Amino acid sequence: MTGPMIFIVVILAVLVLLVLFVIGIYNALVRLRNQVDNAWSQIDVQLKRRHDLIPNLVETAKGYMKHERGTFESITEARSRAMGAKSVAESSKAEGALGEALSKFMLVVENYPELKANQNFLAVQEELSSTENKIAFSRQSYNDQVLGYNNKIQMFPSNIIAGMFSFTKRDFFEIEAAAEREVPKVSF
């Protein structure tokens, strides 16, 4: 091989390596983005389950709590807002408000011992509690996926490829309700 031919082969090899490098980063970004979308889908499934359980809980309680109309209305309104949320940020805020409304509802339930003993109410309450735990787990998983994805699109050299192909930062699913951020008080 002659000098110019070697130069062309080296240039082609470098270009092939560069293309493979870009393809590798692009595919990693797509994989991470899809993992974030999948994690959000898992949260969405649990939120739908939560939204479906709330009317059952309210209906069971209505017979016992005739004078708590405002409590029922606040839960219904919060549920409607949560179901209508279009983005992660909207969902975070709406679900925080729904969580606060449910917490207030559960505090009011304490005033009705016969309701707390009702088997239907206890069953729905247990299902809701289980769903809340699944939401917390799914939220943690989603936020872990978002962290990995956001790190990848912001770190060099993948940030260059992310910018070229319009990969954008994702929002975390954060707690908006102040009551959920408070440390529980334990006294003996």
C-alpha atoms as a PDB file:
ATOM      1  CA  MET A   1       0.000   0.000   0.000  1.00  0.00           C
ATOM      2  CA  THR A   2       1.116   3.468  -0.761  1.00  0.00           C
ATOM      3  CA  GLY A   3       1.155   6.462   1.589  1.00  0.00           C
ATOM      4  CA  PRO A   4      -2.078   8.096   0.308  1.00  0.00           C
ATOM      5  CA  MET A   5      -3.902   4.760   0.358  1.00  0.00           C
ATOM      6  CA  ILE A   6      -2.943   4.144   4.021  1.00  0.00           C
ATOM      7  CA  PHE A   7      -4.105   7.651   4.883  1.00  0.00           C
ATOM      8  CA  ILE A   8      -7.518   6.997   3.265  1.00  0.00           C
ATOM      9  CA  VAL A   9      -7.890   3.665   5.076  1.00  0.00           C
ATOM     10  CA  VAL A  10      -7.037   5.316   8.426  1.00  0.00           C
ATOM     11  CA  ILE A  11      -9.534   8.134   7.785  1.00  0.00           C
ATOM     12  CA  LEU A  12     -12.232   5.611   6.846  1.00  0.00           C
ATOM     13  CA  ALA A  13     -11.469   3.537   9.953  1.00  0.00           C
ATOM     14  CA  VAL A  14     -11.730   6.629  12.163  1.00  0.00           C
ATOM     15  CA  LEU A  15     -15.031   7.589  10.502  1.00  0.00           C
ATOM     16  CA  VAL A  16     -16.417   4.072  10.969  1.00  0.00           C
ATOM     17  CA  LEU A  17     -15.392   4.130  14.647  1.00  0.00           C
ATOM     18  CA  LEU A  18     -16.961   7.576  15.063  1.00  0.00           C
ATOM     19  CA  VAL A  19     -20.229   6.394  13.457  1.00  0.00           C
ATOM     20  CA  LEU A  20     -20.257   3.278  15.682  1.00  0.00           C
ATOM     21  CA  PHE A  21     -19.607   5.489  18.715  1.00  0.00           C
ATOM     22  CA  VAL A  22     -22.542   7.780  17.819  1.00  0.00           C
ATOM     23  CA  ILE A  23     -24.797   4.776  17.167  1.00  0.00           C
ATOM     24  CA  GLY A  24     -23.838   3.272  20.545  1.00  0.00           C
ATOM     25  CA  ILE A  25     -24.619   6.464  22.445  1.00  0.00           C
ATOM     26  CA  TYR A  26     -27.855   7.021  20.511  1.00  0.00           C
ATOM     27  CA  ASN A  27     -29.031   3.484  21.255  1.00  0.00           C
ATOM     28  CA  ALA A  28     -28.152   3.890  24.946  1.00  0.00           C
ATOM     29  CA  LEU A  29     -30.182   7.101  25.071  1.00  0.00           C
ATOM     30  CA  VAL A  30     -33.157   5.426  23.396  1.00  0.00           C
ATOM     31  CA  ARG A  31     -32.938   2.503  25.853  1.00  0.00           C
ATOM     32  CA  LEU A  32     -32.868   4.881  28.837  1.00  0.00           C
ATOM     33  CA  ARG A  33     -35.747   6.960  27.477  1.00  0.00           C
ATOM     34  CA  ASN A  34     -37.811   3.801  26.991  1.00  0.00           C
ATOM     35  CA  GLN A  35     -36.992   2.667  30.534  1.00  0.00           C
ATOM     36  CA  VAL A  36     -38.255   6.018  31.850  1.00  0.00           C
ATOM     37  CA  ASP A  37     -41.450   5.649  29.801  1.00  0.00           C
ATOM     38  CA  ASN A  38     -41.927   2.097  31.076  1.00  0.00           C
ATOM     39  CA  ALA A  39     -41.380   3.194  34.680  1.00  0.00           C
ATOM     40  CA  TRP A  40     -43.989   5.929  34.215  1.00  0.00           C
ATOM     41  CA  SER A  41     -46.402   3.348  32.822  1.00  0.00           C
ATOM     42  CA  GLN A  42     -45.961   1.322  36.012  1.00  0.00           C
ATOM     43  CA  ILE A  43     -46.845   4.383  38.109  1.00  0.00           C
ATOM     44  CA  ASP A  44     -49.794   5.104  35.843  1.00  0.00           C
ATOM     45  CA  VAL A  45     -51.192   1.599  36.384  1.00  0.00           C
ATOM     46  CA  GLN A  46     -51.012   2.029  40.168  1.00  0.00           C
ATOM     47  CA  LEU A  47     -52.496   5.533  40.037  1.00  0.00           C
ATOM     48  CA  LYS A  48     -55.425   4.222  37.990  1.00  0.00           C
ATOM     49  CA  ARG A  49     -55.952   1.494  40.578  1.00  0.00           C
ATOM     50  CA  ARG A  50     -55.887   4.158  43.305  1.00  0.00           C
ATOM     51  CA  HIS A  51     -58.376   6.302  41.402  1.00  0.00           C
ATOM     52  CA  ASP A  52     -60.672   3.296  40.955  1.00  0.00           C
ATOM     53  CA  LEU A  53     -60.595   2.402  44.667  1.00  0.00           C
ATOM     54  CA  ILE A  54     -61.420   5.869  45.978  1.00  0.00           C
ATOM     55  CA  PRO A  55     -65.112   5.890  44.902  1.00  0.00           C
ATOM     56  CA  ASN A  56     -65.589   2.517  46.648  1.00  0.00           C
ATOM     57  CA  LEU A  57     -64.052   3.884  49.831  1.00  0.00           C
ATOM     58  CA  VAL A  58     -66.191   7.021  49.700  1.00  0.00           C
ATOM     59  CA  GLU A  59     -69.412   5.122  48.953  1.00  0.00           C
ATOM     60  CA  THR A  60     -68.803   2.751  51.844  1.00  0.00           C
ATOM     61  CA  ALA A  61     -68.212   5.663  54.189  1.00  0.00           C
ATOM     62  CA  LYS A  62     -71.150   7.809  53.029  1.00  0.00           C
ATOM     63  CA  GLY A  63     -73.687   5.719  54.886  1.00  0.00           C
ATOM     64  CA  TYR A  64     -71.895   6.329  58.167  1.00  0.00           C
ATOM     65  CA  MET A  65     -70.625   9.867  57.635  1.00  0.00           C
ATOM     66  CA  LYS A  66     -73.754  11.781  56.644  1.00  0.00           C
ATOM     67  CA  HIS A  67     -72.453  15.154  57.871  1.00  0.00           C
ATOM     68  CA  GLU A  68     -69.096  15.060  56.074  1.00  0.00           C
ATOM     69  CA  ARG A  69     -70.150  16.286  52.640  1.00  0.00           C
ATOM     70  CA  GLY A  70     -67.187  18.688  52.318  1.00  0.00           C
ATOM     71  CA  THR A  71     -64.755  15.838  52.935  1.00  0.00           C
ATOM     72  CA  PHE A  72     -66.328  13.747  50.177  1.00  0.00           C
ATOM     73  CA  GLU A  73     -66.360  16.671  47.764  1.00  0.00           C
ATOM     74  CA  SER A  74     -62.670  17.456  48.341  1.00  0.00           C
ATOM     75  CA  ILE A  75     -61.708  13.843  47.629  1.00  0.00           C
ATOM     76  CA  THR A  76     -63.868  13.766  44.488  1.00  0.00           C
ATOM     77  CA  GLU A  77     -62.399  17.040  43.204  1.00  0.00           C
ATOM     78  CA  ALA A  78     -58.826  15.955  43.955  1.00  0.00           C
ATOM     79  CA  ARG A  79     -59.434  12.620  42.228  1.00  0.00           C
ATOM     80  CA  SER A  80     -60.810  14.371  39.125  1.00  0.00           C
ATOM     81  CA  ARG A  81     -57.785  16.662  38.943  1.00  0.00           C
ATOM     82  CA  ALA A  82     -55.428  13.704  39.365  1.00  0.00           C
ATOM     83  CA  MET A  83     -57.164  11.717  36.631  1.00  0.00           C
ATOM     84  CA  GLY A  84     -56.982  14.706  34.276  1.00  0.00           C
ATOM     85  CA  ALA A  85     -53.263  15.389  34.766  1.00  0.00           C
ATOM     86  CA  LYS A  86     -51.359  15.401  31.479  1.00  0.00           C
ATOM     87  CA  SER A  87     -47.703  15.573  32.544  1.00  0.00           C
ATOM     88  CA  VAL A  88     -45.488  14.187  35.266  1.00  0.00           C
ATOM     89  CA  ALA A  89     -45.367  17.596  36.961  1.00  0.00           C
ATOM     90  CA  GLU A  90     -49.176  17.930  36.866  1.00  0.00           C
ATOM     91  CA  SER A  91     -49.556  14.367  38.153  1.00  0.00           C
ATOM     92  CA  SER A  92     -47.111  15.003  40.990  1.00  0.00           C
ATOM     93  CA  LYS A  93     -49.039  18.048  42.130  1.00  0.00           C
ATOM     94  CA  ALA A  94     -52.490  16.500  41.680  1.00  0.00           C
ATOM     95  CA  GLU A  95     -51.539  13.232  43.371  1.00  0.00           C
ATOM     96  CA  GLY A  96     -50.078  15.188  46.283  1.00  0.00           C
ATOM     97  CA  ALA A  97     -53.387  17.023  46.698  1.00  0.00           C
ATOM     98  CA  LEU A  98     -55.283  13.736  46.447  1.00  0.00           C
ATOM     99  CA  GLY A  99     -53.018  12.238  49.100  1.00  0.00           C
ATOM    100  CA  GLU A 100     -53.749  15.183  51.399  1.00  0.00           C
ATOM    101  CA  ALA A 101     -57.500  14.813  50.832  1.00  0.00           C
ATOM    102  CA  LEU A 102     -57.293  11.091  51.612  1.00  0.00           C
ATOM    103  CA  SER A 103     -55.267  11.786  54.768  1.00  0.00           C
ATOM    104  CA  LYS A 104     -57.894  14.250  55.980  1.00  0.00           C
ATOM    105  CA  PHE A 105     -60.605  11.726  55.145  1.00  0.00           C
ATOM    106  CA  MET A 106     -58.856   9.047  57.198  1.00  0.00           C
ATOM    107  CA  LEU A 107     -58.601  11.446  60.132  1.00  0.00           C
ATOM    108  CA  VAL A 108     -62.352  12.056  59.956  1.00  0.00           C
ATOM    109  CA  VAL A 109     -62.948   8.282  59.791  1.00  0.00           C
ATOM    110  CA  GLU A 110     -61.399   8.025  63.258  1.00  0.00           C
ATOM    111  CA  ASN A 111     -64.559   9.705  64.607  1.00  0.00           C
ATOM    112  CA  TYR A 112     -66.750   6.838  63.320  1.00  0.00           C
ATOM    113  CA  PRO A 113     -65.889   3.588  65.136  1.00  0.00           C
ATOM    114  CA  GLU A 114     -68.698   1.652  63.482  1.00  0.00           C
ATOM    115  CA  LEU A 115     -67.299   2.605  60.052  1.00  0.00           C
ATOM    116  CA  LYS A 116     -63.812   1.504  61.061  1.00  0.00           C
ATOM    117  CA  ALA A 117     -65.307  -1.900  61.951  1.00  0.00           C
ATOM    118  CA  ASN A 118     -67.186  -2.295  58.635  1.00  0.00           C
ATOM    119  CA  GLN A 119     -65.699  -5.205  56.657  1.00  0.00           C
ATOM    120  CA  ASN A 120     -66.260  -3.576  53.247  1.00  0.00           C
ATOM    121  CA  PHE A 121     -64.564  -0.395  54.394  1.00  0.00           C
ATOM    122  CA  LEU A 122     -61.656  -2.329  55.898  1.00  0.00           C
ATOM    123  CA  ALA A 123     -61.190  -4.344  52.691  1.00  0.00           C
ATOM    124  CA  VAL A 124     -61.153  -1.249  50.474  1.00  0.00           C
ATOM    125  CA  GLN A 125     -58.887   0.558  52.940  1.00  0.00           C
ATOM    126  CA  GLU A 126     -56.450  -2.384  52.848  1.00  0.00           C
ATOM    127  CA  GLU A 127     -56.482  -2.415  49.028  1.00  0.00           C
ATOM    128  CA  LEU A 128     -55.852   1.325  48.977  1.00  0.00           C
ATOM    129  CA  SER A 129     -53.007   0.972  51.469  1.00  0.00           C
ATOM    130  CA  SER A 130     -51.437  -1.776  49.366  1.00  0.00           C
ATOM    131  CA  THR A 131     -51.809   0.377  46.252  1.00  0.00           C
ATOM    132  CA  GLU A 132     -50.184   3.337  48.031  1.00  0.00           C
ATOM    133  CA  ASN A 133     -47.178   1.118  48.800  1.00  0.00           C
ATOM    134  CA  LYS A 134     -46.978   0.041  45.157  1.00  0.00           C
ATOM    135  CA  ILE A 135     -47.161   3.676  44.056  1.00  0.00           C
ATOM    136  CA  ALA A 136     -44.286   4.558  46.393  1.00  0.00           C
ATOM    137  CA  PHE A 137     -42.188   1.699  45.022  1.00  0.00           C
ATOM    138  CA  SER A 138     -43.042   2.602  41.419  1.00  0.00           C
ATOM    139  CA  ARG A 139     -42.282   6.268  42.072  1.00  0.00           C
ATOM    140  CA  GLN A 140     -38.859   5.342  43.432  1.00  0.00           C
ATOM    141  CA  SER A 141     -38.153   3.138  40.413  1.00  0.00           C
ATOM    142  CA  TYR A 142     -39.317   5.868  38.023  1.00  0.00           C
ATOM    143  CA  ASN A 143     -37.165   8.513  39.696  1.00  0.00           C
ATOM    144  CA  ASP A 144     -34.144   6.171  39.528  1.00  0.00           C
ATOM    145  CA  GLN A 145     -34.740   5.717  35.783  1.00  0.00           C
ATOM    146  CA  VAL A 146     -35.134   9.472  35.282  1.00  0.00           C
ATOM    147  CA  LEU A 147     -31.886  10.097  37.174  1.00  0.00           C
ATOM    148  CA  GLY A 148     -29.967   7.706  34.920  1.00  0.00           C
ATOM    149  CA  TYR A 149     -31.522   9.153  31.782  1.00  0.00           C
ATOM    150  CA  ASN A 150     -30.987  12.784  32.800  1.00  0.00           C
ATOM    151  CA  ASN A 151     -27.379  12.048  33.763  1.00  0.00           C
ATOM    152  CA  LYS A 152     -26.730  10.434  30.399  1.00  0.00           C
ATOM    153  CA  ILE A 153     -28.162  13.332  28.370  1.00  0.00           C
ATOM    154  CA  GLN A 154     -26.267  15.899  30.435  1.00  0.00           C
ATOM    155  CA  MET A 155     -22.819  14.252  30.586  1.00  0.00           C
ATOM    156  CA  PHE A 156     -20.095  14.581  27.979  1.00  0.00           C
ATOM    157  CA  PRO A 157     -19.886  13.189  25.288  1.00  0.00           C
ATOM    158  CA  SER A 158     -23.428  11.793  25.224  1.00  0.00           C
ATOM    159  CA  ASN A 159     -24.834  15.307  25.762  1.00  0.00           C
ATOM    160  CA  ILE A 160     -23.669  16.193  22.246  1.00  0.00           C
ATOM    161  CA  ILE A 161     -25.557  13.263  20.717  1.00  0.00           C
ATOM    162  CA  ALA A 162     -28.584  13.951  22.967  1.00  0.00           C
ATOM    163  CA  GLY A 163     -28.668  17.543  21.740  1.00  0.00           C
ATOM    164  CA  MET A 164     -28.362  16.509  18.098  1.00  0.00           C
ATOM    165  CA  PHE A 165     -31.318  14.118  18.398  1.00  0.00           C
ATOM    166  CA  SER A 166     -33.498  16.241  20.728  1.00  0.00           C
ATOM    167  CA  PHE A 167     -33.399  14.071  23.839  1.00  0.00           C
ATOM    168  CA  THR A 168     -34.834  16.275  26.580  1.00  0.00           C
ATOM    169  CA  LYS A 169     -34.642  16.204  30.350  1.00  0.00           C
ATOM    170  CA  ARG A 170     -37.453  14.405  32.199  1.00  0.00           C
ATOM    171  CA  ASP A 171     -39.173  15.522  35.397  1.00  0.00           C
ATOM    172  CA  PHE A 172     -39.008  13.562  38.615  1.00  0.00           C
ATOM    173  CA  PHE A 173     -42.246  12.405  40.230  1.00  0.00           C
ATOM    174  CA  GLU A 174     -41.910  14.369  43.441  1.00  0.00           C
ATOM    175  CA  ILE A 175     -44.032  14.678  46.528  1.00  0.00           C
ATOM    176  CA  GLU A 176     -45.983  17.928  46.488  1.00  0.00           C
ATOM    177  CA  ALA A 177     -48.015  17.399  49.653  1.00  0.00           C
ATOM    178  CA  ALA A 178     -46.442  18.988  52.700  1.00  0.00           C
ATOM    179  CA  ALA A 179     -48.046  16.365  54.940  1.00  0.00           C
ATOM    180  CA  GLU A 180     -46.171  13.585  53.139  1.00  0.00           C
ATOM    181  CA  ARG A 181     -42.839  15.332  53.754  1.00  0.00           C
ATOM    182  CA  GLU A 182     -43.388  15.635  57.490  1.00  0.00           C
ATOM    183  CA  VAL A 183     -41.682  13.186  59.799  1.00  0.00           C
ATOM    184  CA  PRO A 184     -44.262  11.143  61.710  1.00  0.00           C
ATOM    185  CA  LYS A 185     -44.427  11.927  65.434  1.00  0.00           C
ATOM    186  CA  VAL A 186     -44.202   8.976  67.738  1.00  0.00           C
ATOM    187  CA  SER A 187     -45.082   9.298  71.393  1.00  0.00           C
ATOM    188  CA  PHE A 188     -45.501   6.723  74.127  1.00  0.00           C
END
